[in-house]
């Protein structure tokens, strides 16, 4: 009789979630860069893609 190996599900850790978020942001940068006019993305465009202003506003709102 052959028994199938048990598969244990793991719960994603905070480190896993951070890594996945970073991968997603890198993907968004690659997509933006591939559709950009010219050789490079401007710093403003990078901030826009990475939603820097939105994150800053959310952070400032929580800190008050």
C-alpha atoms as a PDB file:
ATOM      1  CA  UNK A   1       0.000   0.000   0.000  1.00  0.00           C
ATOM      2  CA  UNK A   2       1.341   3.390  -0.968  1.00  0.00           C
ATOM      3  CA  UNK A   3       0.530   6.477   1.097  1.00  0.00           C
ATOM      4  CA  UNK A   4       0.585   9.918  -0.487  1.00  0.00           C
ATOM      5  CA  UNK A   5       2.945  12.363   1.187  1.00  0.00           C
ATOM      6  CA  UNK A   6       1.201  14.821   3.436  1.00  0.00           C
ATOM      7  CA  UNK A   7       1.157  18.397   2.274  1.00  0.00           C
ATOM      8  CA  UNK A   8       1.142  21.014   4.966  1.00  0.00           C
ATOM      9  CA  UNK A   9      -0.198  24.445   4.208  1.00  0.00           C
ATOM     10  CA  UNK A  10       1.858  27.299   5.530  1.00  0.00           C
ATOM     11  CA  UNK A  11       0.526  30.641   6.601  1.00  0.00           C
ATOM     12  CA  UNK A  12       2.285  33.530   4.886  1.00  0.00           C
ATOM     13  CA  UNK A  13       4.528  35.464   7.227  1.00  0.00           C
ATOM     14  CA  UNK A  14       4.874  39.222   7.327  1.00  0.00           C
ATOM     15  CA  UNK A  15       8.174  38.778   5.493  1.00  0.00           C
ATOM     16  CA  UNK A  16       6.341  36.844   2.750  1.00  0.00           C
ATOM     17  CA  UNK A  17       3.751  39.607   2.394  1.00  0.00           C
ATOM     18  CA  UNK A  18       6.454  42.282   2.175  1.00  0.00           C
ATOM     19  CA  UNK A  19       8.342  40.276  -0.459  1.00  0.00           C
ATOM     20  CA  UNK A  20       5.191  39.801  -2.538  1.00  0.00           C
ATOM     21  CA  UNK A  21       4.402  43.529  -2.320  1.00  0.00           C
ATOM     22  CA  UNK A  22       7.941  44.353  -3.487  1.00  0.00           C
ATOM     23  CA  UNK A  23       7.620  41.923  -6.392  1.00  0.00           C
ATOM     24  CA  UNK A  24       4.325  43.522  -7.397  1.00  0.00           C
ATOM     25  CA  UNK A  25       5.839  47.018  -7.303  1.00  0.00           C
ATOM     26  CA  UNK A  26       8.816  45.880  -9.390  1.00  0.00           C
ATOM     27  CA  UNK A  27       6.395  44.463 -11.936  1.00  0.00           C
ATOM     28  CA  UNK A  28       4.522  47.747 -12.078  1.00  0.00           C
ATOM     29  CA  UNK A  29       7.796  49.604 -12.635  1.00  0.00           C
ATOM     30  CA  UNK A  30       8.738  47.231 -15.457  1.00  0.00           C
ATOM     31  CA  UNK A  31       5.371  47.753 -17.129  1.00  0.00           C
ATOM     32  CA  UNK A  32       5.673  51.532 -16.787  1.00  0.00           C
ATOM     33  CA  UNK A  33       9.222  51.503 -18.132  1.00  0.00           C
ATOM     34  CA  UNK A  34       8.274  49.382 -21.113  1.00  0.00           C
ATOM     35  CA  UNK A  35       5.568  51.838 -22.127  1.00  0.00           C
ATOM     36  CA  UNK A  36       7.558  55.006 -21.420  1.00  0.00           C
ATOM     37  CA  UNK A  37       8.701  57.442 -24.033  1.00  0.00           C
ATOM     38  CA  UNK A  38      12.461  57.790 -23.861  1.00  0.00           C
ATOM     39  CA  UNK A  39      15.125  55.818 -22.081  1.00  0.00           C
ATOM     40  CA  UNK A  40      14.228  56.405 -18.440  1.00  0.00           C
ATOM     41  CA  UNK A  41      11.315  57.052 -16.160  1.00  0.00           C
ATOM     42  CA  UNK A  42      11.359  60.420 -14.450  1.00  0.00           C
ATOM     43  CA  UNK A  43      11.512  60.499 -10.668  1.00  0.00           C
ATOM     44  CA  UNK A  44       7.960  61.874 -10.653  1.00  0.00           C
ATOM     45  CA  UNK A  45       6.723  58.985 -12.821  1.00  0.00           C
ATOM     46  CA  UNK A  46       8.452  56.441 -10.561  1.00  0.00           C
ATOM     47  CA  UNK A  47       6.786  58.031  -7.522  1.00  0.00           C
ATOM     48  CA  UNK A  48       3.456  57.893  -9.336  1.00  0.00           C
ATOM     49  CA  UNK A  49       3.853  54.206 -10.222  1.00  0.00           C
ATOM     50  CA  UNK A  50       4.925  53.347  -6.681  1.00  0.00           C
ATOM     51  CA  UNK A  51       2.091  55.456  -5.242  1.00  0.00           C
ATOM     52  CA  UNK A  52       4.515  57.386  -3.051  1.00  0.00           C
ATOM     53  CA  UNK A  53       2.187  60.372  -2.573  1.00  0.00           C
ATOM     54  CA  UNK A  54      -0.743  58.141  -1.586  1.00  0.00           C
ATOM     55  CA  UNK A  55       1.408  56.258   0.916  1.00  0.00           C
ATOM     56  CA  UNK A  56       2.755  59.514   2.336  1.00  0.00           C
ATOM     57  CA  UNK A  57      -0.770  60.906   2.729  1.00  0.00           C
ATOM     58  CA  UNK A  58      -1.980  57.698   4.386  1.00  0.00           C
ATOM     59  CA  UNK A  59       1.001  57.735   6.742  1.00  0.00           C
ATOM     60  CA  UNK A  60       0.518  61.425   7.618  1.00  0.00           C
ATOM     61  CA  UNK A  61      -3.181  60.853   8.251  1.00  0.00           C
ATOM     62  CA  UNK A  62      -2.486  58.050  10.716  1.00  0.00           C
ATOM     63  CA  UNK A  63       0.183  60.016  12.541  1.00  0.00           C
ATOM     64  CA  UNK A  64      -2.133  62.820  13.554  1.00  0.00           C
END
